[in-house]
Amino acid sequence: MTDNEDRANDEAADPVVGLLLAAGGGRRLGGRPKALLEHRGQPLVEHAVAALRAAGCARVHVVLGARADDVRARAALDGCVLVDNPEWEQGMGSSLRAGLASLAGTRSGTRAGTGAGAALVSLVDQPGIGAPAMARVRSGYRDERSLVSAAYAGVRGHPVLLGAAHWAGVAATATGDRGARAYLREHEAEIALVECGDVARPYDIDTEADLIHLEP
């Protein structure tokens, strides 16, 4: 069997790639990058990657921005595709665009796409959302047209599964800190909501007060 055949088989068996947005600089946290905040004895970025893998994503792309070199040096991200977002200060939308471009193979220097049917998008600053919720959303994948979102008491949240057919549309509307919000609002009727409130807590680590959620 050739390398290309091996790759095709891997892609067929693993159609959903984890996409972790971990570029934030923690402006309201005194400039501490969120990826390197400690939770349960490891940086948040490691915790989030482990959750995506436990949820069934063998392939994970991680978008880095603030102090990316420090994150590479201090976090164990073996086997991940690390994507630099030089425009991270513009907000989460720029990281989502960079991540989707890396999956599609449209990013500069990328020779080919991943062949993925969907991206399971997770945020590094939501450690209360772990593998159980991610697995539920991932299980909603049907094909490249799938749109699946976690819900908390019926309110849409993260993670979100974006089928490959939607990537270009999401990227075209992802600006500032809105991420995929505008696109998902326009395609509300197509989204399959998966209730996750019984297995996850969707808080964000945004301010000093939020650090209470981090465990030693």
N, C-alpha and C. Protein backbone atom coordinates (compact mmCIF):
# COMPACT_ATOMS: atom_id res chain seq x y z
N MET A 1 0.84 -1.19 0.00
CA MET A 1 0.00 0.00 0.00
C MET A 1 0.89 1.25 0.00
N THR A 2 0.54 2.24 -0.81
CA THR A 2 1.34 3.45 -0.92
C THR A 2 1.03 4.41 0.21
N ASP A 3 1.92 5.44 0.37
CA ASP A 3 1.68 6.46 1.39
C ASP A 3 0.37 7.19 1.14
N ASN A 4 0.07 7.47 -0.14
CA ASN A 4 -1.17 8.16 -0.47
C ASN A 4 -2.39 7.33 -0.10
N GLU A 5 -2.29 6.02 -0.31
CA GLU A 5 -3.40 5.14 0.05
C GLU A 5 -3.57 5.09 1.56
N ASP A 6 -2.44 5.05 2.29
CA ASP A 6 -2.51 5.07 3.76
C ASP A 6 -3.20 6.35 4.23
N ARG A 7 -2.80 7.48 3.64
CA ARG A 7 -3.39 8.76 4.03
C ARG A 7 -4.87 8.78 3.73
N ALA A 8 -5.27 8.28 2.58
CA ALA A 8 -6.69 8.26 2.22
C ALA A 8 -7.50 7.42 3.20
N ASN A 9 -6.93 6.27 3.60
CA ASN A 9 -7.62 5.42 4.56
C ASN A 9 -7.75 6.10 5.91
N ASP A 10 -6.67 6.80 6.35
CA ASP A 10 -6.72 7.51 7.62
C ASP A 10 -7.79 8.60 7.60
N GLU A 11 -7.87 9.33 6.49
CA GLU A 11 -8.84 10.40 6.38
C GLU A 11 -10.26 9.87 6.37
N ALA A 12 -10.47 8.73 5.70
CA ALA A 12 -11.80 8.13 5.66
C ALA A 12 -12.23 7.67 7.05
N ALA A 13 -11.28 7.17 7.83
CA ALA A 13 -11.59 6.68 9.17
C ALA A 13 -11.71 7.82 10.18
N ASP A 14 -11.17 8.98 9.87
CA ASP A 14 -11.13 10.10 10.80
C ASP A 14 -11.61 11.37 10.09
N PRO A 15 -12.90 11.44 9.78
CA PRO A 15 -13.38 12.57 8.98
C PRO A 15 -13.47 13.88 9.74
N VAL A 16 -13.48 13.83 11.07
CA VAL A 16 -13.63 15.05 11.87
C VAL A 16 -12.29 15.39 12.52
N VAL A 17 -11.78 16.57 12.19
CA VAL A 17 -10.51 17.04 12.76
C VAL A 17 -10.81 18.06 13.86
N GLY A 18 -10.13 17.91 14.99
CA GLY A 18 -10.28 18.89 16.05
C GLY A 18 -9.58 20.19 15.69
N LEU A 19 -10.23 21.31 15.95
CA LEU A 19 -9.64 22.63 15.68
C LEU A 19 -9.72 23.44 16.96
N LEU A 20 -8.58 23.63 17.60
CA LEU A 20 -8.52 24.34 18.87
C LEU A 20 -8.03 25.77 18.66
N LEU A 21 -8.82 26.73 19.07
CA LEU A 21 -8.44 28.14 18.96
C LEU A 21 -7.79 28.55 20.28
N ALA A 22 -6.46 28.79 20.22
CA ALA A 22 -5.68 29.01 21.44
C ALA A 22 -4.73 30.19 21.29
N ALA A 23 -5.16 31.23 20.58
CA ALA A 23 -4.27 32.34 20.26
C ALA A 23 -4.41 33.54 21.19
N GLY A 24 -5.43 33.55 22.04
CA GLY A 24 -5.74 34.73 22.83
C GLY A 24 -4.63 35.19 23.76
N GLY A 25 -4.50 36.51 23.89
CA GLY A 25 -3.44 37.09 24.69
C GLY A 25 -3.81 37.38 26.13
N GLY A 26 -5.07 37.15 26.52
CA GLY A 26 -5.47 37.39 27.89
C GLY A 26 -5.35 38.84 28.30
N ARG A 27 -5.88 39.74 27.49
CA ARG A 27 -5.76 41.18 27.77
C ARG A 27 -6.32 41.52 29.14
N ARG A 28 -7.46 40.91 29.50
CA ARG A 28 -8.08 41.19 30.80
C ARG A 28 -7.49 40.33 31.92
N LEU A 29 -6.46 39.57 31.57
CA LEU A 29 -5.75 38.75 32.56
C LEU A 29 -4.32 39.23 32.74
N GLY A 30 -4.10 40.51 32.47
CA GLY A 30 -2.76 41.06 32.62
C GLY A 30 -1.80 40.65 31.53
N GLY A 31 -2.34 40.28 30.37
CA GLY A 31 -1.48 39.90 29.26
C GLY A 31 -0.93 38.48 29.33
N ARG A 32 -1.53 37.63 30.15
CA ARG A 32 -1.10 36.24 30.21
C ARG A 32 -1.83 35.44 29.13
N PRO A 33 -1.11 34.81 28.21
CA PRO A 33 -1.79 34.05 27.16
C PRO A 33 -2.61 32.91 27.75
N LYS A 34 -3.82 32.77 27.28
CA LYS A 34 -4.72 31.78 27.86
C LYS A 34 -4.20 30.36 27.67
N ALA A 35 -3.49 30.11 26.59
CA ALA A 35 -3.00 28.76 26.32
C ALA A 35 -2.10 28.25 27.42
N LEU A 36 -1.42 29.15 28.14
CA LEU A 36 -0.44 28.75 29.14
C LEU A 36 -0.95 28.82 30.58
N LEU A 37 -2.20 29.22 30.78
CA LEU A 37 -2.77 29.17 32.11
C LEU A 37 -2.80 27.72 32.59
N GLU A 38 -2.49 27.50 33.86
CA GLU A 38 -2.40 26.14 34.39
C GLU A 38 -3.76 25.64 34.89
N HIS A 39 -4.08 24.39 34.54
CA HIS A 39 -5.31 23.73 34.99
C HIS A 39 -5.02 22.25 35.18
N ARG A 40 -5.23 21.80 36.39
CA ARG A 40 -4.97 20.39 36.71
C ARG A 40 -3.55 19.97 36.34
N GLY A 41 -2.61 20.86 36.63
CA GLY A 41 -1.21 20.54 36.47
C GLY A 41 -0.65 20.62 35.07
N GLN A 42 -1.41 21.21 34.15
CA GLN A 42 -0.90 21.35 32.78
C GLN A 42 -1.46 22.61 32.15
N PRO A 43 -0.78 23.12 31.11
CA PRO A 43 -1.31 24.30 30.43
C PRO A 43 -2.69 24.02 29.84
N LEU A 44 -3.51 25.05 29.78
CA LEU A 44 -4.86 24.87 29.22
C LEU A 44 -4.83 24.28 27.82
N VAL A 45 -3.83 24.64 27.03
CA VAL A 45 -3.79 24.14 25.66
C VAL A 45 -3.60 22.62 25.64
N GLU A 46 -2.80 22.08 26.56
CA GLU A 46 -2.64 20.63 26.65
C GLU A 46 -3.94 19.98 27.09
N HIS A 47 -4.59 20.58 28.08
CA HIS A 47 -5.86 20.05 28.59
C HIS A 47 -6.89 19.97 27.46
N ALA A 48 -6.98 21.03 26.65
CA ALA A 48 -7.97 21.07 25.58
C ALA A 48 -7.66 20.07 24.47
N VAL A 49 -6.39 19.93 24.12
CA VAL A 49 -6.00 18.94 23.10
C VAL A 49 -6.34 17.53 23.57
N ALA A 50 -6.05 17.23 24.83
CA ALA A 50 -6.35 15.91 25.37
C ALA A 50 -7.84 15.63 25.32
N ALA A 51 -8.66 16.64 25.59
CA ALA A 51 -10.11 16.47 25.55
C ALA A 51 -10.59 16.17 24.13
N LEU A 52 -10.06 16.89 23.15
CA LEU A 52 -10.44 16.63 21.75
C LEU A 52 -10.06 15.22 21.34
N ARG A 53 -8.89 14.78 21.74
CA ARG A 53 -8.47 13.42 21.39
C ARG A 53 -9.32 12.37 22.09
N ALA A 54 -9.64 12.61 23.35
CA ALA A 54 -10.48 11.67 24.07
C ALA A 54 -11.89 11.61 23.47
N ALA A 55 -12.29 12.71 22.82
CA ALA A 55 -13.61 12.75 22.17
C ALA A 55 -13.62 12.06 20.82
N GLY A 56 -12.45 11.61 20.36
CA GLY A 56 -12.39 10.87 19.11
C GLY A 56 -11.70 11.56 17.96
N CYS A 57 -11.11 12.74 18.21
CA CYS A 57 -10.40 13.45 17.14
C CYS A 57 -8.93 13.04 17.16
N ALA A 58 -8.55 12.13 16.29
CA ALA A 58 -7.15 11.70 16.23
C ALA A 58 -6.26 12.79 15.67
N ARG A 59 -6.82 13.65 14.84
CA ARG A 59 -6.08 14.75 14.24
C ARG A 59 -6.55 16.06 14.86
N VAL A 60 -5.59 16.88 15.32
CA VAL A 60 -5.94 18.14 15.97
C VAL A 60 -5.05 19.24 15.42
N HIS A 61 -5.66 20.34 14.98
CA HIS A 61 -4.95 21.55 14.58
C HIS A 61 -5.13 22.57 15.70
N VAL A 62 -4.04 23.23 16.09
CA VAL A 62 -4.06 24.21 17.17
C VAL A 62 -3.60 25.55 16.63
N VAL A 63 -4.44 26.56 16.76
CA VAL A 63 -4.09 27.90 16.30
C VAL A 63 -3.46 28.67 17.45
N LEU A 64 -2.23 29.13 17.24
CA LEU A 64 -1.47 29.87 18.25
C LEU A 64 -1.30 31.32 17.82
N GLY A 65 -1.14 32.19 18.82
CA GLY A 65 -0.94 33.60 18.51
C GLY A 65 -0.06 34.26 19.55
N ALA A 66 -0.65 34.69 20.66
CA ALA A 66 0.10 35.37 21.71
C ALA A 66 1.19 34.46 22.25
N ARG A 67 2.42 34.97 22.25
CA ARG A 67 3.59 34.24 22.76
C ARG A 67 3.63 32.79 22.24
N ALA A 68 3.45 32.67 20.94
CA ALA A 68 3.41 31.35 20.32
C ALA A 68 4.69 30.56 20.57
N ASP A 69 5.83 31.22 20.58
CA ASP A 69 7.09 30.51 20.81
C ASP A 69 7.13 29.92 22.22
N ASP A 70 6.62 30.67 23.20
CA ASP A 70 6.57 30.16 24.56
C ASP A 70 5.63 28.97 24.68
N VAL A 71 4.50 29.04 23.97
CA VAL A 71 3.55 27.92 24.01
C VAL A 71 4.19 26.67 23.42
N ARG A 72 4.89 26.84 22.30
CA ARG A 72 5.58 25.70 21.70
C ARG A 72 6.61 25.10 22.65
N ALA A 73 7.31 25.96 23.37
CA ALA A 73 8.38 25.49 24.25
C ALA A 73 7.86 24.83 25.52
N ARG A 74 6.73 25.32 26.03
CA ARG A 74 6.27 24.88 27.35
C ARG A 74 5.17 23.84 27.31
N ALA A 75 4.45 23.74 26.20
CA ALA A 75 3.33 22.80 26.14
C ALA A 75 3.69 21.57 25.31
N ALA A 76 3.23 20.42 25.75
CA ALA A 76 3.45 19.17 25.01
C ALA A 76 2.33 19.01 23.99
N LEU A 77 2.64 19.34 22.75
CA LEU A 77 1.64 19.31 21.68
C LEU A 77 2.07 18.37 20.56
N ASP A 78 2.74 17.30 20.92
CA ASP A 78 3.21 16.33 19.94
C ASP A 78 2.05 15.78 19.12
N GLY A 79 2.28 15.70 17.82
CA GLY A 79 1.27 15.15 16.93
C GLY A 79 0.24 16.14 16.45
N CYS A 80 0.21 17.34 17.03
CA CYS A 80 -0.72 18.38 16.59
C CYS A 80 -0.12 19.15 15.42
N VAL A 81 -0.99 19.69 14.57
CA VAL A 81 -0.57 20.64 13.56
C VAL A 81 -0.71 22.03 14.19
N LEU A 82 0.41 22.73 14.33
CA LEU A 82 0.41 24.05 14.96
C LEU A 82 0.33 25.13 13.89
N VAL A 83 -0.66 25.98 14.01
CA VAL A 83 -0.94 27.01 13.02
C VAL A 83 -0.71 28.38 13.64
N ASP A 84 0.19 29.16 13.09
CA ASP A 84 0.45 30.51 13.60
C ASP A 84 -0.56 31.49 13.02
N ASN A 85 -1.10 32.32 13.89
CA ASN A 85 -1.99 33.39 13.46
C ASN A 85 -1.35 34.73 13.81
N PRO A 86 -0.65 35.34 12.88
CA PRO A 86 0.00 36.63 13.16
C PRO A 86 -0.99 37.76 13.40
N GLU A 87 -2.26 37.53 13.08
CA GLU A 87 -3.29 38.56 13.25
C GLU A 87 -4.15 38.30 14.48
N TRP A 88 -3.62 37.54 15.45
CA TRP A 88 -4.44 37.12 16.60
C TRP A 88 -5.04 38.28 17.37
N GLU A 89 -4.36 39.44 17.36
CA GLU A 89 -4.89 40.58 18.11
C GLU A 89 -6.18 41.13 17.53
N GLN A 90 -6.51 40.73 16.32
CA GLN A 90 -7.76 41.18 15.69
C GLN A 90 -8.97 40.45 16.23
N GLY A 91 -8.75 39.35 16.99
CA GLY A 91 -9.88 38.64 17.59
C GLY A 91 -9.99 37.21 17.13
N MET A 92 -10.94 36.52 17.73
CA MET A 92 -11.12 35.10 17.48
C MET A 92 -11.43 34.79 16.02
N GLY A 93 -12.08 35.71 15.34
CA GLY A 93 -12.41 35.47 13.93
C GLY A 93 -11.19 35.19 13.10
N SER A 94 -10.10 35.92 13.35
CA SER A 94 -8.88 35.71 12.58
C SER A 94 -8.29 34.31 12.85
N SER A 95 -8.41 33.83 14.09
CA SER A 95 -7.91 32.49 14.42
C SER A 95 -8.76 31.42 13.75
N LEU A 96 -10.07 31.62 13.71
CA LEU A 96 -10.94 30.66 13.04
C LEU A 96 -10.61 30.60 11.55
N ARG A 97 -10.40 31.76 10.95
CA ARG A 97 -10.03 31.78 9.53
C ARG A 97 -8.72 31.04 9.29
N ALA A 98 -7.72 31.30 10.15
CA ALA A 98 -6.42 30.64 10.00
C ALA A 98 -6.55 29.13 10.16
N GLY A 99 -7.34 28.71 11.14
CA GLY A 99 -7.51 27.28 11.37
C GLY A 99 -8.21 26.58 10.23
N LEU A 100 -9.28 27.18 9.73
CA LEU A 100 -10.01 26.57 8.62
C LEU A 100 -9.14 26.54 7.36
N ALA A 101 -8.32 27.58 7.16
CA ALA A 101 -7.42 27.59 6.00
C ALA A 101 -6.41 26.46 6.10
N SER A 102 -5.95 26.16 7.32
CA SER A 102 -4.98 25.06 7.47
C SER A 102 -5.63 23.72 7.18
N LEU A 103 -6.90 23.59 7.51
CA LEU A 103 -7.61 22.34 7.23
C LEU A 103 -7.89 22.17 5.74
N ALA A 104 -8.21 23.28 5.10
CA ALA A 104 -8.57 23.23 3.68
C ALA A 104 -7.36 23.21 2.76
N GLY A 105 -6.18 23.55 3.31
CA GLY A 105 -4.99 23.58 2.48
C GLY A 105 -4.86 24.85 1.69
N THR A 106 -5.54 25.91 2.11
CA THR A 106 -5.46 27.19 1.38
C THR A 106 -4.51 28.15 2.06
N ARG A 107 -3.92 27.75 3.18
CA ARG A 107 -2.98 28.61 3.89
C ARG A 107 -1.64 28.60 3.18
N SER A 108 -0.97 29.73 3.15
CA SER A 108 0.32 29.85 2.48
C SER A 108 1.30 28.80 2.98
N GLY A 109 1.92 28.10 2.06
CA GLY A 109 2.91 27.09 2.42
C GLY A 109 2.32 25.71 2.63
N THR A 110 1.00 25.59 2.61
CA THR A 110 0.36 24.29 2.78
C THR A 110 0.17 23.64 1.43
N ARG A 111 0.63 22.42 1.29
CA ARG A 111 0.59 21.77 -0.02
C ARG A 111 -0.77 21.16 -0.34
N ALA A 112 -1.43 20.63 0.67
CA ALA A 112 -2.69 19.96 0.41
C ALA A 112 -3.57 20.06 1.64
N GLY A 113 -4.87 19.89 1.44
CA GLY A 113 -5.78 19.92 2.56
C GLY A 113 -5.75 18.62 3.34
N THR A 114 -6.51 18.61 4.42
CA THR A 114 -6.55 17.43 5.29
C THR A 114 -7.49 16.35 4.77
N GLY A 115 -8.37 16.71 3.86
CA GLY A 115 -9.38 15.76 3.41
C GLY A 115 -10.48 15.57 4.43
N ALA A 116 -10.53 16.42 5.45
CA ALA A 116 -11.53 16.28 6.51
C ALA A 116 -12.92 16.64 6.02
N GLY A 117 -13.90 15.98 6.60
CA GLY A 117 -15.28 16.29 6.29
C GLY A 117 -15.84 17.38 7.18
N ALA A 118 -15.21 17.59 8.35
CA ALA A 118 -15.70 18.60 9.28
C ALA A 118 -14.61 18.96 10.28
N ALA A 119 -14.78 20.12 10.90
CA ALA A 119 -13.91 20.57 11.99
C ALA A 119 -14.74 20.66 13.25
N LEU A 120 -14.22 20.10 14.34
CA LEU A 120 -14.84 20.25 15.66
C LEU A 120 -14.10 21.39 16.35
N VAL A 121 -14.73 22.55 16.43
CA VAL A 121 -14.08 23.77 16.90
C VAL A 121 -14.28 23.93 18.40
N SER A 122 -13.16 24.07 19.11
CA SER A 122 -13.17 24.22 20.55
C SER A 122 -12.33 25.43 20.94
N LEU A 123 -12.62 26.02 22.11
CA LEU A 123 -11.91 27.20 22.59
C LEU A 123 -11.04 26.83 23.78
N VAL A 124 -9.83 27.33 23.80
CA VAL A 124 -8.88 26.95 24.85
C VAL A 124 -9.29 27.46 26.22
N ASP A 125 -10.10 28.52 26.27
CA ASP A 125 -10.43 29.12 27.56
C ASP A 125 -11.75 28.61 28.15
N GLN A 126 -12.16 27.40 27.73
CA GLN A 126 -13.38 26.81 28.28
C GLN A 126 -13.08 25.41 28.83
N PRO A 127 -12.29 25.33 29.91
CA PRO A 127 -11.91 24.02 30.44
C PRO A 127 -13.06 23.23 31.04
N GLY A 128 -14.19 23.90 31.29
CA GLY A 128 -15.35 23.18 31.80
C GLY A 128 -16.06 22.35 30.74
N ILE A 129 -15.66 22.52 29.49
CA ILE A 129 -16.22 21.73 28.39
C ILE A 129 -15.19 20.68 28.02
N GLY A 130 -15.45 19.45 28.39
CA GLY A 130 -14.48 18.38 28.18
C GLY A 130 -14.89 17.37 27.14
N ALA A 131 -14.26 16.22 27.19
CA ALA A 131 -14.46 15.19 26.18
C ALA A 131 -15.91 14.72 26.04
N PRO A 132 -16.68 14.56 27.12
CA PRO A 132 -18.06 14.09 26.94
C PRO A 132 -18.90 14.99 26.04
N ALA A 133 -18.82 16.31 26.26
CA ALA A 133 -19.58 17.23 25.41
C ALA A 133 -19.04 17.23 23.99
N MET A 134 -17.71 17.22 23.87
CA MET A 134 -17.11 17.21 22.53
C MET A 134 -17.52 15.95 21.76
N ALA A 135 -17.55 14.82 22.43
CA ALA A 135 -17.92 13.57 21.77
C ALA A 135 -19.37 13.60 21.31
N ARG A 136 -20.23 14.20 22.12
CA ARG A 136 -21.64 14.30 21.72
C ARG A 136 -21.80 15.11 20.44
N VAL A 137 -21.11 16.24 20.40
CA VAL A 137 -21.22 17.08 19.20
C VAL A 137 -20.58 16.38 18.01
N ARG A 138 -19.44 15.76 18.22
CA ARG A 138 -18.77 15.04 17.14
C ARG A 138 -19.65 13.95 16.57
N SER A 139 -20.42 13.30 17.41
CA SER A 139 -21.26 12.19 16.95
C SER A 139 -22.39 12.65 16.03
N GLY A 140 -22.62 13.97 15.98
CA GLY A 140 -23.64 14.49 15.09
C GLY A 140 -23.18 14.63 13.64
N TYR A 141 -21.92 14.34 13.39
CA TYR A 141 -21.39 14.45 12.02
C TYR A 141 -22.06 13.43 11.10
N ARG A 142 -22.52 13.89 9.95
CA ARG A 142 -23.10 13.01 8.93
C ARG A 142 -22.33 13.11 7.62
N ASP A 143 -22.06 14.33 7.20
CA ASP A 143 -21.31 14.56 5.97
C ASP A 143 -20.80 15.98 5.99
N GLU A 144 -20.22 16.43 4.87
CA GLU A 144 -19.58 17.75 4.86
C GLU A 144 -20.57 18.90 4.96
N ARG A 145 -21.84 18.62 4.92
CA ARG A 145 -22.84 19.69 5.09
C ARG A 145 -23.32 19.81 6.53
N SER A 146 -22.79 18.98 7.41
CA SER A 146 -23.24 18.98 8.80
C SER A 146 -22.93 20.30 9.51
N LEU A 147 -23.86 20.74 10.33
CA LEU A 147 -23.67 21.85 11.27
C LEU A 147 -24.24 21.37 12.60
N VAL A 148 -23.38 21.25 13.60
CA VAL A 148 -23.81 20.72 14.89
C VAL A 148 -23.24 21.62 15.98
N SER A 149 -24.04 21.88 16.99
CA SER A 149 -23.58 22.74 18.08
C SER A 149 -24.02 22.20 19.42
N ALA A 150 -23.15 22.33 20.41
CA ALA A 150 -23.57 22.07 21.78
C ALA A 150 -24.59 23.11 22.19
N ALA A 151 -25.49 22.72 23.10
CA ALA A 151 -26.47 23.65 23.66
C ALA A 151 -26.49 23.49 25.17
N TYR A 152 -26.76 24.58 25.85
CA TYR A 152 -26.82 24.60 27.30
C TYR A 152 -28.16 25.21 27.69
N ALA A 153 -29.06 24.35 28.20
CA ALA A 153 -30.44 24.76 28.46
C ALA A 153 -31.06 25.35 27.20
N GLY A 154 -30.74 24.74 26.07
CA GLY A 154 -31.30 25.16 24.79
C GLY A 154 -30.60 26.30 24.10
N VAL A 155 -29.59 26.89 24.75
CA VAL A 155 -28.86 28.02 24.17
C VAL A 155 -27.58 27.51 23.50
N ARG A 156 -27.38 27.90 22.26
CA ARG A 156 -26.23 27.41 21.51
C ARG A 156 -24.92 27.89 22.10
N GLY A 157 -23.93 26.96 22.15
CA GLY A 157 -22.61 27.30 22.67
C GLY A 157 -21.53 26.49 21.97
N HIS A 158 -20.44 26.22 22.68
CA HIS A 158 -19.34 25.44 22.12
C HIS A 158 -19.29 24.07 22.77
N PRO A 159 -18.67 23.11 22.09
CA PRO A 159 -18.01 23.20 20.77
C PRO A 159 -19.03 23.21 19.63
N VAL A 160 -18.51 23.52 18.45
CA VAL A 160 -19.33 23.56 17.24
C VAL A 160 -18.66 22.72 16.17
N LEU A 161 -19.45 21.92 15.49
CA LEU A 161 -18.93 21.13 14.37
C LEU A 161 -19.34 21.79 13.06
N LEU A 162 -18.33 22.13 12.27
CA LEU A 162 -18.55 22.82 10.99
C LEU A 162 -18.18 21.88 9.85
N GLY A 163 -19.16 21.44 9.09
CA GLY A 163 -18.88 20.62 7.92
C GLY A 163 -18.08 21.40 6.90
N ALA A 164 -17.26 20.68 6.13
CA ALA A 164 -16.34 21.33 5.19
C ALA A 164 -17.06 22.20 4.16
N ALA A 165 -18.30 21.87 3.84
CA ALA A 165 -19.04 22.66 2.86
C ALA A 165 -19.32 24.08 3.37
N HIS A 166 -19.17 24.28 4.68
CA HIS A 166 -19.46 25.59 5.27
C HIS A 166 -18.21 26.42 5.54
N TRP A 167 -17.04 25.83 5.39
CA TRP A 167 -15.82 26.53 5.81
C TRP A 167 -15.62 27.86 5.10
N ALA A 168 -15.82 27.90 3.80
CA ALA A 168 -15.60 29.14 3.06
C ALA A 168 -16.57 30.22 3.52
N GLY A 169 -17.83 29.85 3.74
CA GLY A 169 -18.82 30.81 4.20
C GLY A 169 -18.51 31.33 5.60
N VAL A 170 -18.08 30.42 6.48
CA VAL A 170 -17.71 30.83 7.84
C VAL A 170 -16.53 31.80 7.79
N ALA A 171 -15.50 31.44 7.03
CA ALA A 171 -14.31 32.28 6.95
C ALA A 171 -14.63 33.67 6.40
N ALA A 172 -15.58 33.76 5.49
CA ALA A 172 -15.93 35.05 4.88
C ALA A 172 -16.62 35.98 5.87
N THR A 173 -17.21 35.43 6.93
CA THR A 173 -17.97 36.26 7.87
C THR A 173 -17.33 36.32 9.26
N ALA A 174 -16.19 35.63 9.43
CA ALA A 174 -15.54 35.58 10.75
C ALA A 174 -14.65 36.80 10.94
N THR A 175 -15.16 37.78 11.66
CA THR A 175 -14.40 39.00 11.92
C THR A 175 -14.46 39.32 13.41
N GLY A 176 -13.48 40.06 13.88
CA GLY A 176 -13.46 40.44 15.29
C GLY A 176 -13.52 39.23 16.20
N ASP A 177 -14.31 39.33 17.25
CA ASP A 177 -14.47 38.22 18.19
C ASP A 177 -15.75 37.43 17.94
N ARG A 178 -16.36 37.60 16.78
CA ARG A 178 -17.63 36.93 16.52
C ARG A 178 -17.45 35.48 16.11
N GLY A 179 -16.27 35.12 15.60
CA GLY A 179 -16.06 33.75 15.16
C GLY A 179 -17.08 33.37 14.09
N ALA A 180 -17.74 32.22 14.30
CA ALA A 180 -18.72 31.73 13.32
C ALA A 180 -20.13 32.23 13.62
N ARG A 181 -20.27 33.14 14.57
CA ARG A 181 -21.59 33.53 15.06
C ARG A 181 -22.51 34.04 13.95
N ALA A 182 -22.00 34.92 13.09
CA ALA A 182 -22.84 35.49 12.05
C ALA A 182 -23.30 34.42 11.07
N TYR A 183 -22.39 33.54 10.68
CA TYR A 183 -22.75 32.48 9.73
C TYR A 183 -23.78 31.54 10.35
N LEU A 184 -23.57 31.16 11.58
CA LEU A 184 -24.49 30.24 12.23
C LEU A 184 -25.87 30.87 12.41
N ARG A 185 -25.91 32.17 12.66
CA ARG A 185 -27.20 32.84 12.79
C ARG A 185 -27.96 32.78 11.46
N GLU A 186 -27.23 32.94 10.36
CA GLU A 186 -27.86 32.90 9.04
C GLU A 186 -28.33 31.49 8.67
N HIS A 187 -27.71 30.47 9.29
CA HIS A 187 -28.04 29.08 8.96
C HIS A 187 -28.64 28.34 10.16
N GLU A 188 -29.35 29.10 10.99
CA GLU A 188 -29.91 28.56 12.23
C GLU A 188 -30.74 27.30 11.99
N ALA A 189 -31.52 27.29 10.92
CA ALA A 189 -32.42 26.17 10.67
C ALA A 189 -31.67 24.89 10.34
N GLU A 190 -30.43 25.01 9.93
CA GLU A 190 -29.66 23.82 9.54
C GLU A 190 -28.86 23.22 10.71
N ILE A 191 -28.83 23.89 11.85
CA ILE A 191 -27.98 23.46 12.95
C ILE A 191 -28.68 22.41 13.80
N ALA A 192 -27.99 21.31 14.03
CA ALA A 192 -28.47 20.29 14.97
C ALA A 192 -27.92 20.62 16.35
N LEU A 193 -28.80 20.91 17.29
CA LEU A 193 -28.39 21.23 18.65
C LEU A 193 -28.29 19.96 19.48
N VAL A 194 -27.22 19.87 20.26
CA VAL A 194 -26.99 18.72 21.12
C VAL A 194 -26.87 19.23 22.55
N GLU A 195 -27.82 18.89 23.40
CA GLU A 195 -27.79 19.37 24.77
C GLU A 195 -26.60 18.77 25.53
N CYS A 196 -25.82 19.66 26.16
CA CYS A 196 -24.61 19.22 26.88
C CYS A 196 -24.56 19.77 28.31
N GLY A 197 -25.62 20.40 28.74
CA GLY A 197 -25.62 21.02 30.05
C GLY A 197 -25.44 20.05 31.20
N ASP A 198 -25.71 18.77 30.96
CA ASP A 198 -25.56 17.77 32.02
C ASP A 198 -24.14 17.25 32.14
N VAL A 199 -23.28 17.56 31.15
CA VAL A 199 -21.92 17.02 31.18
C VAL A 199 -20.84 18.10 31.08
N ALA A 200 -21.23 19.36 30.94
CA ALA A 200 -20.23 20.42 30.76
C ALA A 200 -20.72 21.73 31.36
N ARG A 201 -19.75 22.59 31.66
CA ARG A 201 -20.05 23.95 32.16
C ARG A 201 -19.37 24.94 31.21
N PRO A 202 -20.16 25.75 30.52
CA PRO A 202 -19.61 26.58 29.44
C PRO A 202 -19.08 27.94 29.87
N TYR A 203 -18.37 28.02 30.99
CA TYR A 203 -17.79 29.30 31.40
C TYR A 203 -16.52 29.58 30.59
N ASP A 204 -16.17 30.87 30.50
CA ASP A 204 -14.94 31.31 29.85
C ASP A 204 -13.96 31.80 30.92
N ILE A 205 -12.68 31.65 30.64
CA ILE A 205 -11.65 32.25 31.48
C ILE A 205 -11.23 33.56 30.82
N ASP A 206 -11.90 34.65 31.21
CA ASP A 206 -11.67 35.95 30.59
C ASP A 206 -11.04 36.96 31.53
N THR A 207 -11.40 36.90 32.81
CA THR A 207 -10.95 37.91 33.77
C THR A 207 -10.29 37.25 34.97
N GLU A 208 -9.69 38.06 35.82
CA GLU A 208 -9.07 37.55 37.04
C GLU A 208 -10.08 36.77 37.88
N ALA A 209 -11.31 37.25 37.94
CA ALA A 209 -12.34 36.57 38.73
C ALA A 209 -12.62 35.17 38.21
N ASP A 210 -12.45 34.97 36.91
CA ASP A 210 -12.72 33.66 36.31
C ASP A 210 -11.68 32.61 36.67
N LEU A 211 -10.52 33.05 37.16
CA LEU A 211 -9.45 32.11 37.47
C LEU A 211 -9.84 31.14 38.59
N ILE A 212 -10.92 31.45 39.29
CA ILE A 212 -11.40 30.56 40.34
C ILE A 212 -11.79 29.20 39.78
N HIS A 213 -12.10 29.16 38.49
CA HIS A 213 -12.50 27.90 37.86
C HIS A 213 -11.33 26.97 37.58
N LEU A 214 -10.12 27.51 37.58
CA LEU A 214 -8.94 26.69 37.30
C LEU A 214 -8.55 25.89 38.54
N GLU A 215 -8.24 24.62 38.34
CA GLU A 215 -7.91 23.73 39.45
C GLU A 215 -6.40 23.47 39.47
N PRO A 216 -5.84 23.28 40.68
CA PRO A 216 -4.39 23.02 40.76
C PRO A 216 -4.02 21.65 40.21
